N, C-alpha and C. Protein backbone atom coordinates (compact mmCIF):
# COMPACT_ATOMS: atom_id res chain seq x y z
N MET A 1 0.77 -1.12 -0.02
CA MET A 1 -0.03 -0.05 -0.02
C MET A 1 0.89 1.24 -0.28
N THR A 2 0.66 2.09 -0.75
CA THR A 2 1.31 3.63 -0.90
C THR A 2 0.27 4.59 -0.76
N TRP A 3 0.64 5.72 -0.34
CA TRP A 3 0.02 6.89 -0.06
C TRP A 3 0.84 8.07 -0.63
N ASP A 4 0.12 9.05 -0.64
CA ASP A 4 0.83 10.52 -1.22
C ASP A 4 1.54 10.34 -2.45
N SER A 5 2.59 9.39 -2.72
CA SER A 5 3.02 9.21 -4.22
C SER A 5 2.92 7.89 -4.58
N ASP A 6 2.43 7.54 -5.95
CA ASP A 6 2.47 6.28 -6.13
C ASP A 6 3.55 5.73 -6.69
N ILE A 7 3.85 4.53 -6.83
CA ILE A 7 4.87 3.88 -7.34
C ILE A 7 4.98 3.70 -8.71
N PRO A 8 5.78 4.23 -9.67
CA PRO A 8 5.70 4.53 -10.74
C PRO A 8 5.54 3.16 -11.79
N SER A 9 6.03 2.05 -11.40
CA SER A 9 6.03 0.69 -11.84
C SER A 9 4.72 -0.13 -11.33
N GLY A 10 4.41 0.22 -10.21
CA GLY A 10 3.02 -0.17 -9.67
C GLY A 10 3.65 -1.56 -8.97
N GLU A 11 4.98 -2.03 -9.19
CA GLU A 11 5.35 -3.50 -8.87
C GLU A 11 5.41 -3.53 -7.24
N GLY A 12 4.73 -4.35 -6.77
CA GLY A 12 4.71 -4.62 -5.13
C GLY A 12 3.37 -3.76 -4.68
N GLU A 13 2.78 -3.18 -5.25
CA GLU A 13 1.84 -2.19 -4.88
C GLU A 13 0.20 -2.85 -5.31
N SER A 14 -0.34 -2.71 -4.15
CA SER A 14 -1.92 -3.41 -4.29
C SER A 14 -3.03 -2.19 -4.05
N LEU A 15 -2.64 -1.21 -3.39
CA LEU A 15 -3.43 0.01 -3.26
C LEU A 15 -2.72 1.22 -3.05
N PHE A 16 -3.17 2.25 -3.85
CA PHE A 16 -2.67 3.51 -3.84
C PHE A 16 -3.81 4.41 -3.39
N VAL A 17 -3.39 5.53 -1.98
CA VAL A 17 -4.35 6.31 -1.79
C VAL A 17 -3.98 7.69 -1.80
N ALA A 18 -4.60 8.27 -2.66
CA ALA A 18 -4.32 9.41 -3.11
C ALA A 18 -4.90 10.83 -2.11
N GLN A 19 -4.23 11.64 -1.55
CA GLN A 19 -4.97 12.61 -0.77
C GLN A 19 -5.63 13.69 -1.23
N VAL A 20 -5.44 13.86 -2.84
CA VAL A 20 -6.43 14.72 -3.28
C VAL A 20 -6.55 14.12 -4.94
N ASP A 21 -7.78 14.80 -5.36
CA ASP A 21 -7.91 14.71 -6.61
C ASP A 21 -7.07 15.57 -7.62
N PHE A 22 -6.14 15.11 -8.61
CA PHE A 22 -4.93 15.61 -9.48
C PHE A 22 -5.58 16.82 -10.25
N ASP A 23 -6.80 16.30 -10.97
CA ASP A 23 -7.36 17.49 -11.49
C ASP A 23 -7.81 18.79 -10.85
N GLU A 24 -8.37 18.28 -9.69
CA GLU A 24 -8.97 19.58 -8.75
C GLU A 24 -7.78 20.30 -8.41
N MET A 25 -6.38 19.45 -8.16
CA MET A 25 -5.13 20.36 -7.63
C MET A 25 -4.66 21.34 -8.58
N GLY A 26 -4.65 20.73 -9.98
CA GLY A 26 -4.06 21.53 -11.08
C GLY A 26 -4.98 23.02 -11.17
N GLN A 27 -6.42 22.61 -10.93
CA GLN A 27 -7.13 23.82 -10.85
C GLN A 27 -7.21 24.88 -9.62
N VAL A 28 -6.84 24.28 -8.52
CA VAL A 28 -6.35 25.08 -7.38
C VAL A 28 -5.00 25.88 -7.42
N MET A 29 -4.25 25.18 -8.02
CA MET A 29 -2.67 25.72 -8.31
C MET A 29 -3.13 27.04 -9.48
N ALA A 30 -3.84 26.84 -10.38
CA ALA A 30 -3.72 28.05 -11.37
C ALA A 30 -4.43 28.97 -11.04
N ASP A 31 -5.63 28.81 -10.12
CA ASP A 31 -6.31 29.69 -9.51
C ASP A 31 -5.48 30.67 -8.53
N MET A 32 -4.64 29.89 -7.58
CA MET A 32 -3.69 30.45 -6.95
C MET A 32 -2.77 31.34 -7.39
N THR A 33 -2.16 30.99 -8.77
CA THR A 33 -1.39 31.61 -9.61
C THR A 33 -2.01 32.96 -9.98
N ARG A 34 -3.21 32.81 -10.65
CA ARG A 34 -3.91 33.92 -11.08
C ARG A 34 -4.28 35.02 -9.66
N SER A 35 -4.54 34.65 -8.53
CA SER A 35 -4.77 35.43 -7.62
C SER A 35 -3.48 35.97 -6.78
N ILE A 36 -2.27 35.22 -7.20
CA ILE A 36 -0.74 35.69 -6.61
C ILE A 36 -0.36 37.02 -7.55
N LEU A 37 -0.49 36.61 -9.03
CA LEU A 37 0.04 37.33 -10.33
C LEU A 37 -0.95 38.31 -10.22
N GLY A 38 -2.34 38.43 -10.06
CA GLY A 38 -3.25 39.42 -10.24
C GLY A 38 -3.83 39.41 -11.81
N GLU A 39 -4.68 40.29 -12.20
CA GLU A 39 -5.22 40.23 -13.38
C GLU A 39 -4.36 40.30 -14.74
N ASP A 40 -3.27 41.00 -14.32
CA ASP A 40 -2.45 41.19 -15.46
C ASP A 40 -1.37 40.03 -15.77
N GLY A 41 -1.55 38.85 -14.96
CA GLY A 41 -0.80 37.71 -15.09
C GLY A 41 0.64 37.96 -15.05
N GLY A 42 1.44 36.89 -15.74
CA GLY A 42 2.73 37.16 -15.71
C GLY A 42 3.36 35.78 -15.98
N GLN A 43 4.88 35.99 -15.65
CA GLN A 43 5.38 34.60 -15.80
C GLN A 43 5.43 33.80 -14.57
N VAL A 44 5.48 32.23 -14.81
CA VAL A 44 5.76 31.38 -13.34
C VAL A 44 6.28 30.45 -13.70
N ALA A 45 6.96 29.77 -12.99
CA ALA A 45 7.82 28.54 -13.22
C ALA A 45 7.42 27.73 -12.05
N ILE A 46 7.76 26.56 -12.32
CA ILE A 46 7.52 25.22 -11.14
C ILE A 46 8.62 24.94 -10.78
N LEU A 47 8.76 24.70 -9.24
CA LEU A 47 10.23 24.13 -8.83
C LEU A 47 9.60 22.96 -7.93
N SER A 48 9.46 21.57 -8.78
CA SER A 48 9.18 20.46 -7.88
C SER A 48 10.35 19.91 -7.33
N ALA A 49 9.78 18.50 -6.53
CA ALA A 49 10.78 17.99 -5.69
C ALA A 49 11.99 16.87 -6.76
N SER A 50 11.26 16.12 -7.60
CA SER A 50 12.07 15.43 -8.35
C SER A 50 11.29 14.68 -9.56
N PRO A 51 12.06 14.44 -10.52
CA PRO A 51 11.33 13.87 -11.86
C PRO A 51 10.79 12.67 -11.22
N ASP A 52 10.95 11.80 -10.27
CA ASP A 52 10.37 10.59 -9.79
C ASP A 52 9.36 10.81 -8.88
N ALA A 53 8.72 11.98 -8.55
CA ALA A 53 7.73 12.10 -7.48
C ALA A 53 6.37 12.01 -8.30
N SER A 54 5.79 11.04 -8.28
CA SER A 54 4.67 10.86 -9.08
C SER A 54 3.55 11.51 -8.67
N ASN A 55 3.53 11.86 -7.57
CA ASN A 55 2.22 12.64 -6.86
C ASN A 55 2.40 14.16 -7.47
N GLN A 56 3.83 14.69 -7.11
CA GLN A 56 4.21 15.97 -7.88
C GLN A 56 4.06 16.12 -9.08
N ASN A 57 4.45 15.00 -10.21
CA ASN A 57 4.26 15.01 -11.33
C ASN A 57 2.73 15.26 -11.93
N ALA A 58 2.03 14.25 -11.28
CA ALA A 58 0.57 14.40 -11.32
C ALA A 58 -0.05 15.78 -11.26
N TRP A 59 0.27 16.29 -10.12
CA TRP A 59 -0.45 17.86 -10.18
C TRP A 59 0.34 18.71 -10.76
N ASN A 60 1.40 18.73 -11.25
CA ASN A 60 2.19 19.46 -12.29
C ASN A 60 1.47 19.44 -13.48
N ALA A 61 1.46 18.11 -13.93
CA ALA A 61 0.79 17.78 -15.20
C ALA A 61 -0.90 18.64 -15.25
N ALA A 62 -1.35 18.43 -14.14
CA ALA A 62 -2.98 18.66 -14.28
C ALA A 62 -2.86 20.29 -14.03
N TYR A 63 -1.98 21.24 -13.45
CA TYR A 63 -1.71 22.54 -13.39
C TYR A 63 -1.26 23.05 -14.94
N ILE A 64 -0.50 22.53 -15.43
CA ILE A 64 -0.21 22.75 -16.87
C ILE A 64 -1.25 22.76 -17.62
N GLU A 65 -2.01 21.74 -17.89
CA GLU A 65 -3.28 21.32 -18.61
C GLU A 65 -4.50 22.54 -18.16
N VAL A 66 -4.52 22.90 -17.06
CA VAL A 66 -5.43 24.13 -16.80
C VAL A 66 -4.85 25.27 -17.27
N LEU A 67 -3.75 25.77 -17.15
CA LEU A 67 -3.09 26.97 -17.55
C LEU A 67 -3.37 26.95 -18.92
N GLY A 68 -3.42 26.04 -19.72
CA GLY A 68 -3.48 25.94 -21.11
C GLY A 68 -4.79 25.93 -21.87
N ASN A 69 -5.74 25.71 -20.91
CA ASN A 69 -7.05 25.54 -21.23
C ASN A 69 -7.82 26.83 -21.85
N GLY A 70 -6.92 28.16 -21.85
CA GLY A 70 -7.63 29.29 -22.64
C GLY A 70 -7.98 30.47 -21.63
N ASN A 71 -8.34 29.92 -20.24
CA ASN A 71 -9.02 30.88 -19.24
C ASN A 71 -7.55 31.81 -18.87
N TYR A 72 -6.45 31.32 -18.90
CA TYR A 72 -4.96 31.48 -18.13
C TYR A 72 -4.08 32.23 -19.19
N ASP A 73 -4.67 32.72 -20.31
CA ASP A 73 -3.75 33.00 -21.50
C ASP A 73 -2.76 34.14 -21.19
N ASN A 74 -3.05 35.06 -20.00
CA ASN A 74 -1.92 36.04 -19.54
C ASN A 74 -0.94 35.41 -18.53
N ILE A 75 -1.04 34.07 -18.20
CA ILE A 75 -0.10 33.49 -17.63
C ILE A 75 0.87 32.31 -18.26
N GLU A 76 2.36 32.89 -18.22
CA GLU A 76 3.14 31.98 -19.05
C GLU A 76 3.91 31.24 -18.12
N LEU A 77 3.65 29.93 -18.31
CA LEU A 77 4.76 29.16 -17.49
C LEU A 77 5.85 28.71 -18.36
N VAL A 78 7.17 28.96 -17.71
CA VAL A 78 8.08 29.54 -18.48
C VAL A 78 9.23 28.24 -18.36
N GLU A 79 9.10 27.68 -17.38
CA GLU A 79 9.82 26.27 -16.99
C GLU A 79 9.67 25.44 -15.93
N THR A 80 10.05 24.08 -15.89
CA THR A 80 9.75 23.38 -14.54
C THR A 80 11.24 22.85 -14.43
N VAL A 81 11.62 22.84 -13.24
CA VAL A 81 12.97 22.46 -12.50
C VAL A 81 12.62 21.45 -11.56
N PHE A 82 13.76 20.95 -11.13
CA PHE A 82 13.50 20.07 -9.78
C PHE A 82 14.75 20.08 -9.27
N GLY A 83 14.54 20.34 -7.72
CA GLY A 83 15.56 20.27 -6.65
C GLY A 83 15.55 19.10 -5.93
N ASN A 84 15.38 18.10 -6.54
CA ASN A 84 15.86 16.84 -5.92
C ASN A 84 15.72 16.62 -4.49
N ASP A 85 14.42 17.33 -4.34
CA ASP A 85 13.84 17.11 -2.45
C ASP A 85 14.91 17.61 -1.58
N THR A 86 16.17 18.34 -1.99
CA THR A 86 17.08 18.85 -0.83
C THR A 86 17.06 20.23 -1.01
N SER A 87 17.38 20.71 0.01
CA SER A 87 17.11 22.25 0.21
C SER A 87 18.41 22.96 -0.47
N GLU A 88 19.29 22.55 -0.38
CA GLU A 88 20.53 23.05 -1.55
C GLU A 88 20.33 23.35 -2.87
N ASP A 89 19.96 21.86 -3.54
CA ASP A 89 19.42 21.90 -4.91
C ASP A 89 18.21 22.85 -5.16
N SER A 90 17.12 23.16 -4.47
CA SER A 90 16.25 23.78 -4.42
C SER A 90 16.56 25.09 -4.41
N PHE A 91 17.07 25.78 -3.31
CA PHE A 91 17.90 26.77 -3.22
C PHE A 91 18.53 27.33 -4.71
N SER A 92 19.32 26.60 -4.95
CA SER A 92 20.17 26.75 -6.47
C SER A 92 19.11 26.98 -7.56
N GLU A 93 18.18 25.81 -7.59
CA GLU A 93 17.24 25.83 -8.79
C GLU A 93 16.33 27.35 -8.82
N ALA A 94 16.24 27.73 -7.28
CA ALA A 94 15.36 28.90 -7.49
C ALA A 94 16.17 30.00 -7.83
N LEU A 95 17.12 30.25 -7.91
CA LEU A 95 18.17 31.47 -7.93
C LEU A 95 18.37 31.40 -9.51
N GLY A 96 18.46 29.98 -10.12
CA GLY A 96 18.87 29.88 -11.42
C GLY A 96 17.65 30.32 -12.05
N LEU A 97 16.25 30.21 -11.69
CA LEU A 97 15.05 30.55 -12.28
C LEU A 97 15.18 32.42 -12.39
N VAL A 98 15.32 32.91 -11.31
CA VAL A 98 15.27 34.43 -11.32
C VAL A 98 16.27 34.94 -12.10
N ASP A 99 17.39 34.11 -12.34
CA ASP A 99 18.38 34.70 -13.04
C ASP A 99 18.02 34.59 -14.53
N LYS A 100 17.54 33.25 -14.97
CA LYS A 100 17.20 33.11 -16.22
C LYS A 100 16.21 33.82 -16.58
N TRP A 101 15.14 33.96 -15.65
CA TRP A 101 13.79 34.72 -16.25
C TRP A 101 13.55 36.04 -15.45
N PRO A 102 13.97 37.29 -15.82
CA PRO A 102 13.90 38.54 -14.97
C PRO A 102 12.41 38.97 -14.97
N ASP A 103 11.76 38.59 -15.71
CA ASP A 103 10.38 38.87 -15.41
C ASP A 103 9.26 38.01 -14.76
N LEU A 104 10.17 37.05 -14.35
CA LEU A 104 9.31 35.95 -13.30
C LEU A 104 8.76 36.39 -12.16
N GLY A 105 7.40 36.09 -12.08
CA GLY A 105 6.59 36.76 -10.73
C GLY A 105 6.30 35.95 -10.10
N LEU A 106 6.25 34.32 -10.40
CA LEU A 106 6.23 33.41 -9.34
C LEU A 106 7.02 32.14 -9.58
N ILE A 107 7.21 31.50 -8.45
CA ILE A 107 7.90 30.22 -8.41
C ILE A 107 6.69 29.27 -7.62
N MET A 108 5.79 28.40 -8.49
CA MET A 108 5.07 27.43 -7.79
C MET A 108 5.71 26.42 -7.57
N SER A 109 5.86 25.88 -6.29
CA SER A 109 6.54 24.85 -5.42
C SER A 109 5.76 23.63 -5.01
N PRO A 110 5.33 22.86 -5.59
CA PRO A 110 4.56 21.92 -4.92
C PRO A 110 5.22 21.00 -3.95
N THR A 111 6.17 21.37 -3.09
CA THR A 111 7.16 20.77 -2.39
C THR A 111 7.33 21.50 -0.95
N THR A 112 7.24 21.03 -0.03
CA THR A 112 7.79 21.80 1.24
C THR A 112 9.13 22.01 1.55
N VAL A 113 10.14 21.31 0.79
CA VAL A 113 11.46 21.70 0.89
C VAL A 113 11.76 22.93 -0.37
N GLY A 114 10.86 22.79 -1.37
CA GLY A 114 11.25 23.64 -2.63
C GLY A 114 10.53 24.84 -1.99
N ILE A 115 9.48 25.24 -1.45
CA ILE A 115 8.99 26.33 -0.91
C ILE A 115 9.81 27.05 -0.07
N VAL A 116 10.42 26.44 0.92
CA VAL A 116 11.40 26.88 2.11
C VAL A 116 12.41 27.63 1.33
N ALA A 117 13.11 26.61 0.54
CA ALA A 117 14.60 26.80 0.03
C ALA A 117 14.23 27.91 -1.02
N ALA A 118 13.12 28.20 -1.94
CA ALA A 118 13.13 29.32 -2.69
C ALA A 118 12.75 30.44 -1.87
N SER A 119 11.74 30.20 -1.17
CA SER A 119 11.70 31.40 -0.09
C SER A 119 12.94 32.19 0.26
N GLN A 120 13.81 31.17 1.01
CA GLN A 120 15.20 31.68 1.60
C GLN A 120 15.89 32.33 0.48
N ALA A 121 16.11 31.64 -0.84
CA ALA A 121 16.83 32.39 -1.76
C ALA A 121 16.50 33.53 -2.41
N LEU A 122 14.96 33.78 -2.33
CA LEU A 122 14.46 34.84 -2.64
C LEU A 122 14.63 36.09 -1.59
N GLN A 123 14.71 35.78 -0.22
CA GLN A 123 14.71 36.62 0.69
C GLN A 123 16.18 37.21 1.06
N THR A 124 17.23 36.07 0.61
CA THR A 124 18.63 36.28 0.47
C THR A 124 19.21 37.51 -0.53
N GLU A 125 18.44 37.22 -1.75
CA GLU A 125 18.78 38.07 -2.74
C GLU A 125 17.93 39.49 -2.72
N GLY A 126 16.95 39.44 -1.84
CA GLY A 126 16.01 41.02 -1.58
C GLY A 126 14.89 41.09 -2.68
N LEU A 127 14.49 39.90 -3.26
CA LEU A 127 13.59 39.79 -4.24
C LEU A 127 11.98 39.51 -3.96
N CYS A 128 11.68 39.46 -2.41
CA CYS A 128 10.45 39.05 -2.29
C CYS A 128 9.16 40.24 -2.84
N ASP A 129 9.78 41.30 -3.02
CA ASP A 129 8.91 42.38 -3.61
C ASP A 129 8.79 42.14 -5.19
N ASP A 130 9.32 41.10 -5.59
CA ASP A 130 9.34 41.08 -7.24
C ASP A 130 8.73 39.80 -7.57
N VAL A 131 9.27 38.71 -6.80
CA VAL A 131 9.02 37.45 -7.34
C VAL A 131 8.23 36.62 -6.02
N LYS A 132 6.86 35.83 -6.30
CA LYS A 132 6.32 35.39 -5.09
C LYS A 132 6.74 34.03 -5.19
N VAL A 133 6.75 33.21 -3.77
CA VAL A 133 6.57 31.72 -4.12
C VAL A 133 5.58 31.31 -3.32
N SER A 134 4.97 30.29 -3.89
CA SER A 134 3.75 29.48 -3.39
C SER A 134 3.51 28.06 -3.67
N GLU A 135 2.99 27.30 -2.87
CA GLU A 135 2.80 25.63 -2.90
C GLU A 135 1.15 25.67 -3.05
N ILE A 136 0.87 24.48 -2.96
CA ILE A 136 -0.35 24.17 -2.87
C ILE A 136 -1.36 24.68 -1.51
N GLY A 137 -0.61 24.96 -0.54
CA GLY A 137 -1.37 25.31 0.54
C GLY A 137 -1.06 26.79 1.28
N ARG A 138 0.10 27.04 0.73
CA ARG A 138 0.45 28.19 1.37
C ARG A 138 1.46 29.40 0.51
N ALA A 139 1.65 30.36 0.84
CA ALA A 139 2.29 31.33 0.22
C ALA A 139 3.21 31.73 1.11
N ALA A 140 4.54 32.25 0.56
CA ALA A 140 5.60 32.93 1.19
C ALA A 140 6.10 34.01 0.15
N CYS A 141 6.75 35.08 1.00
CA CYS A 141 7.19 36.16 0.08
C CYS A 141 6.15 36.94 -0.58
N ARG A 142 5.00 37.10 0.12
CA ARG A 142 3.89 37.47 -0.57
C ARG A 142 4.13 39.19 0.21
N GLU A 143 4.27 39.14 1.33
CA GLU A 143 3.98 40.64 2.12
C GLU A 143 5.11 40.49 2.95
N ARG A 144 5.95 41.56 3.25
CA ARG A 144 6.77 41.78 4.39
C ARG A 144 5.96 41.94 5.54
N VAL A 145 6.55 41.43 6.54
CA VAL A 145 5.71 41.31 7.97
C VAL A 145 6.30 42.01 8.94
């Protein structure tokens, strides 16, 4: 039995319990993106855990599909990167995104490791006023407290 993330091959797995509906998760992520970027939209990148995280890959695929359905034309998904579920790699990937995409407005990170590391990277660089970071249930670098 597995939960949270399915075994890609399915070998040895007789039951998978998904904590959310993947399609609904994509819609929630897209709506959060619009809420954070505002009606003018902008550029967004995904900082995910790893290419092997089946749950996050499913969420990301659903998110990308929703962004492409015509209701989010002013939101441009520029890139998907992977932080290998480590703070160091996620921190570096976040910095790489803001260097590569100077108009980036949001890093969507459906991983706890990624959102913390990306937030730290943006805080270190003083970019919280320019680039926001969000994951499925939280947002960081949205407002200075």
